[in-house]
Amino acid sequence: MNFVRKLEKLIAIYFNGENYTIDNYELSRKDSKLIAYSLIHTLQQFEWVMQKRKE
């Protein structure tokens, strides 16, 4: 799934990176990890929904 791959790439970027700048606001490593964990949660929910649809 294209959506899942994009989400996984975003997770890797935020989880493994250093500081990031978004709209001229710099995120710390801690902030980046919080975003990564939120994206992981989103991915888990999406996979859960897709699994329920198959049942």
PDB file of N, CA and C in Angstrom:
ATOM      1  N   MET A   1       0.830  -1.180   0.000  1.00  0.00           N
ATOM      2  CA  MET A   1       0.000   0.000   0.000  1.00  0.00           C
ATOM      3  C   MET A   1       0.876   1.247   0.000  1.00  0.00           C
ATOM      4  N   ASN A   2       0.562   2.146  -0.860  1.00  0.00           N
ATOM      5  CA  ASN A   2       1.326   3.372  -1.003  1.00  0.00           C
ATOM      6  C   ASN A   2       1.276   4.217   0.272  1.00  0.00           C
ATOM      7  N   PHE A   3       0.094   4.321   0.881  1.00  0.00           N
ATOM      8  CA  PHE A   3      -0.073   5.096   2.105  1.00  0.00           C
ATOM      9  C   PHE A   3       0.809   4.549   3.227  1.00  0.00           C
ATOM     10  N   VAL A   4       0.836   3.243   3.379  1.00  0.00           N
ATOM     11  CA  VAL A   4       1.622   2.611   4.439  1.00  0.00           C
ATOM     12  C   VAL A   4       3.102   2.863   4.217  1.00  0.00           C
ATOM     13  N   ARG A   5       3.569   2.733   3.016  1.00  0.00           N
ATOM     14  CA  ARG A   5       4.990   2.979   2.730  1.00  0.00           C
ATOM     15  C   ARG A   5       5.382   4.423   3.022  1.00  0.00           C
ATOM     16  N   LYS A   6       4.545   5.358   2.636  1.00  0.00           N
ATOM     17  CA  LYS A   6       4.836   6.773   2.913  1.00  0.00           C
ATOM     18  C   LYS A   6       4.871   7.037   4.418  1.00  0.00           C
ATOM     19  N   LEU A   7       3.934   6.450   5.126  1.00  0.00           N
ATOM     20  CA  LEU A   7       3.887   6.621   6.572  1.00  0.00           C
ATOM     21  C   LEU A   7       5.120   6.012   7.233  1.00  0.00           C
ATOM     22  N   GLU A   8       5.531   4.842   6.783  1.00  0.00           N
ATOM     23  CA  GLU A   8       6.735   4.202   7.323  1.00  0.00           C
ATOM     24  C   GLU A   8       7.983   5.043   7.066  1.00  0.00           C
ATOM     25  N   LYS A   9       8.058   5.662   5.894  1.00  0.00           N
ATOM     26  CA  LYS A   9       9.203   6.534   5.593  1.00  0.00           C
ATOM     27  C   LYS A   9       9.219   7.754   6.505  1.00  0.00           C
ATOM     28  N   LEU A  10       8.049   8.350   6.726  1.00  0.00           N
ATOM     29  CA  LEU A  10       7.968   9.484   7.640  1.00  0.00           C
ATOM     30  C   LEU A  10       8.383   9.100   9.050  1.00  0.00           C
ATOM     31  N   ILE A  11       7.952   7.934   9.491  1.00  0.00           N
ATOM     32  CA  ILE A  11       8.323   7.450  10.823  1.00  0.00           C
ATOM     33  C   ILE A  11       9.835   7.330  10.925  1.00  0.00           C
ATOM     34  N   ALA A  12      10.454   6.737   9.924  1.00  0.00           N
ATOM     35  CA  ALA A  12      11.910   6.575   9.932  1.00  0.00           C
ATOM     36  C   ALA A  12      12.625   7.922   9.952  1.00  0.00           C
ATOM     37  N   ILE A  13      12.129   8.869   9.188  1.00  0.00           N
ATOM     38  CA  ILE A  13      12.754  10.198   9.136  1.00  0.00           C
ATOM     39  C   ILE A  13      12.695  10.862  10.501  1.00  0.00           C
ATOM     40  N   TYR A  14      11.524  10.876  11.107  1.00  0.00           N
ATOM     41  CA  TYR A  14      11.381  11.553  12.392  1.00  0.00           C
ATOM     42  C   TYR A  14      12.051  10.789  13.527  1.00  0.00           C
ATOM     43  N   PHE A  15      12.032   9.471  13.480  1.00  0.00           N
ATOM     44  CA  PHE A  15      12.594   8.690  14.585  1.00  0.00           C
ATOM     45  C   PHE A  15      14.120   8.681  14.570  1.00  0.00           C
ATOM     46  N   ASN A  16      14.724   8.641  13.395  1.00  0.00           N
ATOM     47  CA  ASN A  16      16.176   8.509  13.297  1.00  0.00           C
ATOM     48  C   ASN A  16      16.922   9.826  13.137  1.00  0.00           C
ATOM     49  N   GLY A  17      16.198  10.889  12.887  1.00  0.00           N
ATOM     50  CA  GLY A  17      16.854  12.148  12.578  1.00  0.00           C
ATOM     51  C   GLY A  17      17.294  12.947  13.783  1.00  0.00           C
ATOM     52  N   GLU A  18      17.838  14.084  13.456  1.00  0.00           N
ATOM     53  CA  GLU A  18      18.234  15.015  14.504  1.00  0.00           C
ATOM     54  C   GLU A  18      17.180  16.099  14.574  1.00  0.00           C
ATOM     55  N   ASN A  19      17.553  17.342  14.495  1.00  0.00           N
ATOM     56  CA  ASN A  19      16.562  18.416  14.553  1.00  0.00           C
ATOM     57  C   ASN A  19      15.983  18.673  13.171  1.00  0.00           C
ATOM     58  N   TYR A  20      14.740  19.126  13.138  1.00  0.00           N
ATOM     59  CA  TYR A  20      14.047  19.412  11.892  1.00  0.00           C
ATOM     60  C   TYR A  20      13.467  20.808  11.951  1.00  0.00           C
ATOM     61  N   THR A  21      13.310  21.402  10.795  1.00  0.00           N
ATOM     62  CA  THR A  21      12.663  22.695  10.706  1.00  0.00           C
ATOM     63  C   THR A  21      11.385  22.542   9.896  1.00  0.00           C
ATOM     64  N   ILE A  22      10.279  22.953  10.498  1.00  0.00           N
ATOM     65  CA  ILE A  22       8.974  22.896   9.839  1.00  0.00           C
ATOM     66  C   ILE A  22       8.365  24.284   9.956  1.00  0.00           C
ATOM     67  N   ASP A  23       8.095  24.918   8.821  1.00  0.00           N
ATOM     68  CA  ASP A  23       7.531  26.271   8.807  1.00  0.00           C
ATOM     69  C   ASP A  23       8.335  27.223   9.698  1.00  0.00           C
ATOM     70  N   ASN A  24       9.654  27.174   9.547  1.00  0.00           N
ATOM     71  CA  ASN A  24      10.590  28.019  10.305  1.00  0.00           C
ATOM     72  C   ASN A  24      10.590  27.748  11.806  1.00  0.00           C
ATOM     73  N   TYR A  25      10.062  26.616  12.231  1.00  0.00           N
ATOM     74  CA  TYR A  25      10.087  26.213  13.629  1.00  0.00           C
ATOM     75  C   TYR A  25      10.960  24.970  13.748  1.00  0.00           C
ATOM     76  N   GLU A  26      11.974  25.016  14.591  1.00  0.00           N
ATOM     77  CA  GLU A  26      12.901  23.895  14.716  1.00  0.00           C
ATOM     78  C   GLU A  26      12.427  22.927  15.794  1.00  0.00           C
ATOM     79  N   LEU A  27      12.323  21.666  15.410  1.00  0.00           N
ATOM     80  CA  LEU A  27      11.942  20.608  16.340  1.00  0.00           C
ATOM     81  C   LEU A  27      13.193  19.998  16.957  1.00  0.00           C
ATOM     82  N   SER A  28      13.131  19.705  18.230  1.00  0.00           N
ATOM     83  CA  SER A  28      14.231  19.007  18.882  1.00  0.00           C
ATOM     84  C   SER A  28      14.122  17.518  18.585  1.00  0.00           C
ATOM     85  N   ARG A  29      15.125  16.767  18.947  1.00  0.00           N
ATOM     86  CA  ARG A  29      15.087  15.309  18.769  1.00  0.00           C
ATOM     87  C   ARG A  29      13.910  14.729  19.549  1.00  0.00           C
ATOM     88  N   LYS A  30      13.675  15.245  20.747  1.00  0.00           N
ATOM     89  CA  LYS A  30      12.556  14.776  21.567  1.00  0.00           C
ATOM     90  C   LYS A  30      11.220  15.039  20.864  1.00  0.00           C
ATOM     91  N   ASP A  31      11.068  16.238  20.318  1.00  0.00           N
ATOM     92  CA  ASP A  31       9.843  16.565  19.573  1.00  0.00           C
ATOM     93  C   ASP A  31       9.673  15.662  18.359  1.00  0.00           C
ATOM     94  N   SER A  32      10.771  15.408  17.667  1.00  0.00           N
ATOM     95  CA  SER A  32      10.729  14.542  16.482  1.00  0.00           C
ATOM     96  C   SER A  32      10.288  13.133  16.856  1.00  0.00           C
ATOM     97  N   LYS A  33      10.779  12.642  17.996  1.00  0.00           N
ATOM     98  CA  LYS A  33      10.372  11.306  18.438  1.00  0.00           C
ATOM     99  C   LYS A  33       8.897  11.272  18.809  1.00  0.00           C
ATOM    100  N   LEU A  34       8.392  12.327  19.417  1.00  0.00           N
ATOM    101  CA  LEU A  34       6.964  12.379  19.742  1.00  0.00           C
ATOM    102  C   LEU A  34       6.111  12.305  18.478  1.00  0.00           C
ATOM    103  N   ILE A  35       6.538  13.003  17.443  1.00  0.00           N
ATOM    104  CA  ILE A  35       5.831  12.932  16.160  1.00  0.00           C
ATOM    105  C   ILE A  35       5.905  11.512  15.604  1.00  0.00           C
ATOM    106  N   ALA A  36       7.085  10.901  15.695  1.00  0.00           N
ATOM    107  CA  ALA A  36       7.256   9.533  15.195  1.00  0.00           C
ATOM    108  C   ALA A  36       6.321   8.576  15.919  1.00  0.00           C
ATOM    109  N   TYR A  37       6.233   8.682  17.234  1.00  0.00           N
ATOM    110  CA  TYR A  37       5.346   7.803  17.990  1.00  0.00           C
ATOM    111  C   TYR A  37       3.883   8.013  17.611  1.00  0.00           C
ATOM    112  N   SER A  38       3.504   9.250  17.341  1.00  0.00           N
ATOM    113  CA  SER A  38       2.140   9.532  16.886  1.00  0.00           C
ATOM    114  C   SER A  38       1.879   8.894  15.524  1.00  0.00           C
ATOM    115  N   LEU A  39       2.877   8.972  14.644  1.00  0.00           N
ATOM    116  CA  LEU A  39       2.738   8.350  13.323  1.00  0.00           C
ATOM    117  C   LEU A  39       2.670   6.825  13.443  1.00  0.00           C
ATOM    118  N   ILE A  40       3.444   6.255  14.368  1.00  0.00           N
ATOM    119  CA  ILE A  40       3.390   4.805  14.598  1.00  0.00           C
ATOM    120  C   ILE A  40       1.991   4.412  15.051  1.00  0.00           C
ATOM    121  N   HIS A  41       1.431   5.189  15.946  1.00  0.00           N
ATOM    122  CA  HIS A  41       0.073   4.914  16.425  1.00  0.00           C
ATOM    123  C   HIS A  41      -0.934   4.981  15.269  1.00  0.00           C
ATOM    124  N   THR A  42      -0.782   5.967  14.408  1.00  0.00           N
ATOM    125  CA  THR A  42      -1.655   6.100  13.234  1.00  0.00           C
ATOM    126  C   THR A  42      -1.520   4.876  12.338  1.00  0.00           C
ATOM    127  N   LEU A  43      -0.293   4.434  12.108  1.00  0.00           N
ATOM    128  CA  LEU A  43      -0.057   3.249  11.288  1.00  0.00           C
ATOM    129  C   LEU A  43      -0.710   2.014  11.913  1.00  0.00           C
ATOM    130  N   GLN A  44      -0.574   1.849  13.213  1.00  0.00           N
ATOM    131  CA  GLN A  44      -1.176   0.703  13.893  1.00  0.00           C
ATOM    132  C   GLN A  44      -2.698   0.737  13.776  1.00  0.00           C
ATOM    133  N   GLN A  45      -3.289   1.902  13.927  1.00  0.00           N
ATOM    134  CA  GLN A  45      -4.738   2.016  13.784  1.00  0.00           C
ATOM    135  C   GLN A  45      -5.178   1.675  12.369  1.00  0.00           C
ATOM    136  N   PHE A  46      -4.454   2.174  11.389  1.00  0.00           N
ATOM    137  CA  PHE A  46      -4.781   1.894   9.997  1.00  0.00           C
ATOM    138  C   PHE A  46      -4.705   0.393   9.729  1.00  0.00           C
ATOM    139  N   GLU A  47      -3.649  -0.256  10.195  1.00  0.00           N
ATOM    140  CA  GLU A  47      -3.505  -1.699   9.988  1.00  0.00           C
ATOM    141  C   GLU A  47      -4.610  -2.467  10.700  1.00  0.00           C
ATOM    142  N   TRP A  48      -5.009  -1.999  11.877  1.00  0.00           N
ATOM    143  CA  TRP A  48      -6.085  -2.641  12.620  1.00  0.00           C
ATOM    144  C   TRP A  48      -7.407  -2.548  11.843  1.00  0.00           C
ATOM    145  N   VAL A  49      -7.693  -1.360  11.310  1.00  0.00           N
ATOM    146  CA  VAL A  49      -8.918  -1.161  10.529  1.00  0.00           C
ATOM    147  C   VAL A  49      -8.906  -2.054   9.288  1.00  0.00           C
ATOM    148  N   MET A  50      -7.765  -2.102   8.606  1.00  0.00           N
ATOM    149  CA  MET A  50      -7.685  -2.930   7.401  1.00  0.00           C
ATOM    150  C   MET A  50      -7.867  -4.403   7.743  1.00  0.00           C
ATOM    151  N   GLN A  51      -7.342  -4.838   8.860  1.00  0.00           N
ATOM    152  CA  GLN A  51      -7.505  -6.239   9.279  1.00  0.00           C
ATOM    153  C   GLN A  51      -8.978  -6.526   9.575  1.00  0.00           C
ATOM    154  N   LYS A  52      -9.651  -5.592  10.227  1.00  0.00           N
ATOM    155  CA  LYS A  52     -11.073  -5.784  10.558  1.00  0.00           C
ATOM    156  C   LYS A  52     -11.916  -5.857   9.286  1.00  0.00           C
ATOM    157  N   ARG A  53     -11.536  -5.120   8.268  1.00  0.00           N
ATOM    158  CA  ARG A  53     -12.292  -5.160   7.004  1.00  0.00           C
ATOM    159  C   ARG A  53     -12.170  -6.518   6.326  1.00  0.00           C
ATOM    160  N   LYS A  54     -11.035  -7.183   6.534  1.00  0.00           N
ATOM    161  CA  LYS A  54     -10.821  -8.491   5.910  1.00  0.00           C
ATOM    162  C   LYS A  54     -11.648  -9.573   6.597  1.00  0.00           C
ATOM    163  N   GLU A  55     -11.984  -9.365   7.859  1.00  0.00           N
ATOM    164  CA  GLU A  55     -12.712 -10.393   8.610  1.00  0.00           C
ATOM    165  C   GLU A  55     -14.167 -10.462   8.247  1.00  0.00           C
TER     166      GLU A  55
END
